Amino acid sequence: MSQGGLSQFVGEKYLSLETFRKSGKEVRTPVWFVENNGMLYVRTAKDTGKYKRINNNKSVRIAPCDMRGKVKGEWANAEARLASEDEARQAYQLLEKKYGLMYKITRVFLGGKDYVVIAIKV
């Protein structure tokens, strides 16, 4: 994961995903992520604000952060989109590998929701 702005995410568990409301006000959310072939991927439910905001505005900003959202690096401008089925399938496998038991537990407890994978290109 050494391509350009992605190097600061190597070894990190969380990234702060900054999305924008229609008014332009930013909303920051710490999320789990994985990298694959120069893209970052996050899983989210379709009923979340970040998913709705990304549908309205593909421009996002990202930075490495801790689990509480405290930023630990530089902000990078990026573009988000809904991942393809193949990308999503790979992202789910990579998320499970990276986060292990914690990922499996969250899938069990939050399993009734409709999830999507967001692809982020820096």
C-alpha atoms as a PDB file:
ATOM      1  CA  MET A   1       0.000   0.000   0.000  1.00  0.00           C
ATOM      2  CA  SER A   2       2.734   2.459  -0.835  1.00  0.00           C
ATOM      3  CA  GLN A   3       1.001   4.324  -3.674  1.00  0.00           C
ATOM      4  CA  GLY A   4       1.156   8.080  -3.030  1.00  0.00           C
ATOM      5  CA  GLY A   5      -1.226   9.235  -0.313  1.00  0.00           C
ATOM      6  CA  LEU A   6      -1.993   5.696   0.814  1.00  0.00           C
ATOM      7  CA  SER A   7       1.339   5.158   2.586  1.00  0.00           C
ATOM      8  CA  GLN A   8       0.109   6.875   5.767  1.00  0.00           C
ATOM      9  CA  PHE A   9      -2.598   4.204   6.132  1.00  0.00           C
ATOM     10  CA  VAL A  10      -0.152   1.264   6.269  1.00  0.00           C
ATOM     11  CA  GLY A  11      -0.576  -0.534   9.590  1.00  0.00           C
ATOM     12  CA  GLU A  12      -3.553   1.591  10.633  1.00  0.00           C
ATOM     13  CA  LYS A  13      -6.844   0.102  11.812  1.00  0.00           C
ATOM     14  CA  TYR A  14      -9.086   3.158  11.388  1.00  0.00           C
ATOM     15  CA  LEU A  15      -9.537   6.005   9.003  1.00  0.00           C
ATOM     16  CA  SER A  16     -11.568   9.128   9.492  1.00  0.00           C
ATOM     17  CA  LEU A  17     -14.002   9.427   6.602  1.00  0.00           C
ATOM     18  CA  GLU A  18     -15.141  12.996   6.068  1.00  0.00           C
ATOM     19  CA  THR A  19     -18.322  13.290   4.012  1.00  0.00           C
ATOM     20  CA  PHE A  20     -20.315  16.407   3.244  1.00  0.00           C
ATOM     21  CA  ARG A  21     -23.928  17.351   3.854  1.00  0.00           C
ATOM     22  CA  LYS A  22     -25.880  19.143   1.138  1.00  0.00           C
ATOM     23  CA  SER A  23     -25.172  22.374   3.050  1.00  0.00           C
ATOM     24  CA  GLY A  24     -21.425  21.700   2.665  1.00  0.00           C
ATOM     25  CA  LYS A  25     -20.893  21.000   6.376  1.00  0.00           C
ATOM     26  CA  GLU A  26     -18.446  18.152   6.915  1.00  0.00           C
ATOM     27  CA  VAL A  27     -19.190  15.045   8.983  1.00  0.00           C
ATOM     28  CA  ARG A  28     -16.297  12.868  10.192  1.00  0.00           C
ATOM     29  CA  THR A  29     -16.719   9.185  11.018  1.00  0.00           C
ATOM     30  CA  PRO A  30     -14.011   6.725  12.151  1.00  0.00           C
ATOM     31  CA  VAL A  31     -14.345   3.475  10.184  1.00  0.00           C
ATOM     32  CA  TRP A  32     -12.543   0.179   9.671  1.00  0.00           C
ATOM     33  CA  PHE A  33     -10.969  -0.140   6.236  1.00  0.00           C
ATOM     34  CA  VAL A  34      -8.887  -2.348   3.994  1.00  0.00           C
ATOM     35  CA  GLU A  35      -6.675  -1.608   1.008  1.00  0.00           C
ATOM     36  CA  ASN A  36      -6.663  -3.612  -2.195  1.00  0.00           C
ATOM     37  CA  ASN A  37      -4.941  -2.677  -5.463  1.00  0.00           C
ATOM     38  CA  GLY A  38      -4.586   0.998  -4.585  1.00  0.00           C
ATOM     39  CA  MET A  39      -8.174   1.432  -3.385  1.00  0.00           C
ATOM     40  CA  LEU A  40      -9.497   1.694   0.158  1.00  0.00           C
ATOM     41  CA  TYR A  41     -12.737  -0.062   1.106  1.00  0.00           C
ATOM     42  CA  VAL A  42     -15.130   0.457   4.006  1.00  0.00           C
ATOM     43  CA  ARG A  43     -18.302  -1.410   4.880  1.00  0.00           C
ATOM     44  CA  THR A  44     -21.394   0.488   5.955  1.00  0.00           C
ATOM     45  CA  ALA A  45     -25.127  -0.012   6.232  1.00  0.00           C
ATOM     46  CA  LYS A  46     -27.366   1.516   3.573  1.00  0.00           C
ATOM     47  CA  ASP A  47     -29.297   3.418   6.243  1.00  0.00           C
ATOM     48  CA  THR A  48     -26.271   5.371   7.525  1.00  0.00           C
ATOM     49  CA  GLY A  49     -25.739   9.057   6.990  1.00  0.00           C
ATOM     50  CA  LYS A  50     -22.331   8.546   5.403  1.00  0.00           C
ATOM     51  CA  TYR A  51     -23.816   6.301   2.726  1.00  0.00           C
ATOM     52  CA  LYS A  52     -26.548   8.850   1.976  1.00  0.00           C
ATOM     53  CA  ARG A  53     -24.060  11.732   1.912  1.00  0.00           C
ATOM     54  CA  ILE A  54     -21.725   9.836  -0.460  1.00  0.00           C
ATOM     55  CA  ASN A  55     -24.663   9.219  -2.801  1.00  0.00           C
ATOM     56  CA  ASN A  56     -25.172  12.996  -2.932  1.00  0.00           C
ATOM     57  CA  ASN A  57     -21.493  13.986  -3.103  1.00  0.00           C
ATOM     58  CA  LYS A  58     -18.705  11.585  -4.129  1.00  0.00           C
ATOM     59  CA  SER A  59     -15.972  13.931  -2.864  1.00  0.00           C
ATOM     60  CA  VAL A  60     -14.621  12.879   0.538  1.00  0.00           C
ATOM     61  CA  ARG A  61     -11.535  13.413   2.655  1.00  0.00           C
ATOM     62  CA  ILE A  62      -9.719  10.716   4.594  1.00  0.00           C
ATOM     63  CA  ALA A  63      -7.026  10.579   7.273  1.00  0.00           C
ATOM     64  CA  PRO A  64      -5.695   7.860   9.574  1.00  0.00           C
ATOM     65  CA  CYS A  65      -7.236   8.055  13.044  1.00  0.00           C
ATOM     66  CA  ASP A  66      -7.756   6.162  16.281  1.00  0.00           C
ATOM     67  CA  MET A  67     -10.976   4.347  17.199  1.00  0.00           C
ATOM     68  CA  ARG A  68     -12.455   7.553  18.623  1.00  0.00           C
ATOM     69  CA  GLY A  69     -11.750   9.518  15.449  1.00  0.00           C
ATOM     70  CA  LYS A  70      -8.695  11.500  16.629  1.00  0.00           C
ATOM     71  CA  VAL A  71      -6.769  12.175  13.429  1.00  0.00           C
ATOM     72  CA  LYS A  72      -3.185  10.863  13.388  1.00  0.00           C
ATOM     73  CA  GLY A  73      -2.034  11.986   9.938  1.00  0.00           C
ATOM     74  CA  GLU A  74      -2.689  14.275   7.013  1.00  0.00           C
ATOM     75  CA  TRP A  75      -6.053  14.703   5.316  1.00  0.00           C
ATOM     76  CA  ALA A  76      -6.211  13.479   1.720  1.00  0.00           C
ATOM     77  CA  ASN A  77      -8.837  14.406  -0.848  1.00  0.00           C
ATOM     78  CA  ALA A  78     -10.514  11.353  -2.344  1.00  0.00           C
ATOM     79  CA  GLU A  79     -13.507  10.161  -4.320  1.00  0.00           C
ATOM     80  CA  ALA A  80     -15.948   7.543  -3.051  1.00  0.00           C
ATOM     81  CA  ARG A  81     -18.279   5.252  -4.957  1.00  0.00           C
ATOM     82  CA  LEU A  82     -20.252   2.080  -4.437  1.00  0.00           C
ATOM     83  CA  ALA A  83     -17.963  -0.931  -4.913  1.00  0.00           C
ATOM     84  CA  SER A  84     -18.767  -3.537  -7.539  1.00  0.00           C
ATOM     85  CA  GLU A  85     -19.945  -6.973  -6.395  1.00  0.00           C
ATOM     86  CA  ASP A  86     -16.481  -8.452  -6.992  1.00  0.00           C
ATOM     87  CA  GLU A  87     -14.785  -5.623  -5.095  1.00  0.00           C
ATOM     88  CA  ALA A  88     -17.264  -5.991  -2.227  1.00  0.00           C
ATOM     89  CA  ARG A  89     -16.710  -9.732  -1.992  1.00  0.00           C
ATOM     90  CA  GLN A  90     -12.938  -9.226  -1.808  1.00  0.00           C
ATOM     91  CA  ALA A  91     -13.309  -6.378   0.683  1.00  0.00           C
ATOM     92  CA  TYR A  92     -15.430  -8.546   3.009  1.00  0.00           C
ATOM     93  CA  GLN A  93     -12.755 -11.254   2.933  1.00  0.00           C
ATOM     94  CA  LEU A  94      -9.985  -8.729   3.604  1.00  0.00           C
ATOM     95  CA  LEU A  95     -11.960  -7.085   6.424  1.00  0.00           C
ATOM     96  CA  GLU A  96     -12.472 -10.461   8.075  1.00  0.00           C
ATOM     97  CA  LYS A  97      -8.767 -11.271   7.736  1.00  0.00           C
ATOM     98  CA  LYS A  98      -7.648  -7.876   9.078  1.00  0.00           C
ATOM     99  CA  TYR A  99     -10.103  -7.518  11.992  1.00  0.00           C
ATOM    100  CA  GLY A 100     -10.645 -11.209  12.815  1.00  0.00           C
ATOM    101  CA  LEU A 101     -12.934 -12.036  15.697  1.00  0.00           C
ATOM    102  CA  MET A 102     -14.088  -8.434  16.195  1.00  0.00           C
ATOM    103  CA  TYR A 103     -15.279  -8.304  12.588  1.00  0.00           C
ATOM    104  CA  LYS A 104     -17.134 -11.607  12.956  1.00  0.00           C
ATOM    105  CA  ILE A 105     -18.806 -10.392  16.161  1.00  0.00           C
ATOM    106  CA  THR A 106     -20.006  -7.167  14.550  1.00  0.00           C
ATOM    107  CA  ARG A 107     -21.386  -9.123  11.598  1.00  0.00           C
ATOM    108  CA  VAL A 108     -23.375 -11.329  13.985  1.00  0.00           C
ATOM    109  CA  PHE A 109     -24.764  -8.480  16.110  1.00  0.00           C
ATOM    110  CA  LEU A 110     -25.419  -6.137  13.178  1.00  0.00           C
ATOM    111  CA  GLY A 111     -26.217  -8.844  10.645  1.00  0.00           C
ATOM    112  CA  GLY A 112     -29.841  -7.859  10.001  1.00  0.00           C
ATOM    113  CA  LYS A 113     -28.906  -4.662   8.187  1.00  0.00           C
ATOM    114  CA  ASP A 114     -28.375  -4.191   4.481  1.00  0.00           C
ATOM    115  CA  TYR A 115     -24.641  -3.517   3.980  1.00  0.00           C
ATOM    116  CA  VAL A 116     -22.656  -2.078   1.098  1.00  0.00           C
ATOM    117  CA  VAL A 117     -18.973  -1.524   0.473  1.00  0.00           C
ATOM    118  CA  ILE A 118     -17.712   1.935  -0.413  1.00  0.00           C
ATOM    119  CA  ALA A 119     -14.605   2.163  -2.617  1.00  0.00           C
ATOM    120  CA  ILE A 120     -12.357   5.171  -1.994  1.00  0.00           C
ATOM    121  CA  LYS A 121      -9.732   6.382  -4.460  1.00  0.00           C
ATOM    122  CA  VAL A 122      -7.145   8.915  -3.299  1.00  0.00           C
END
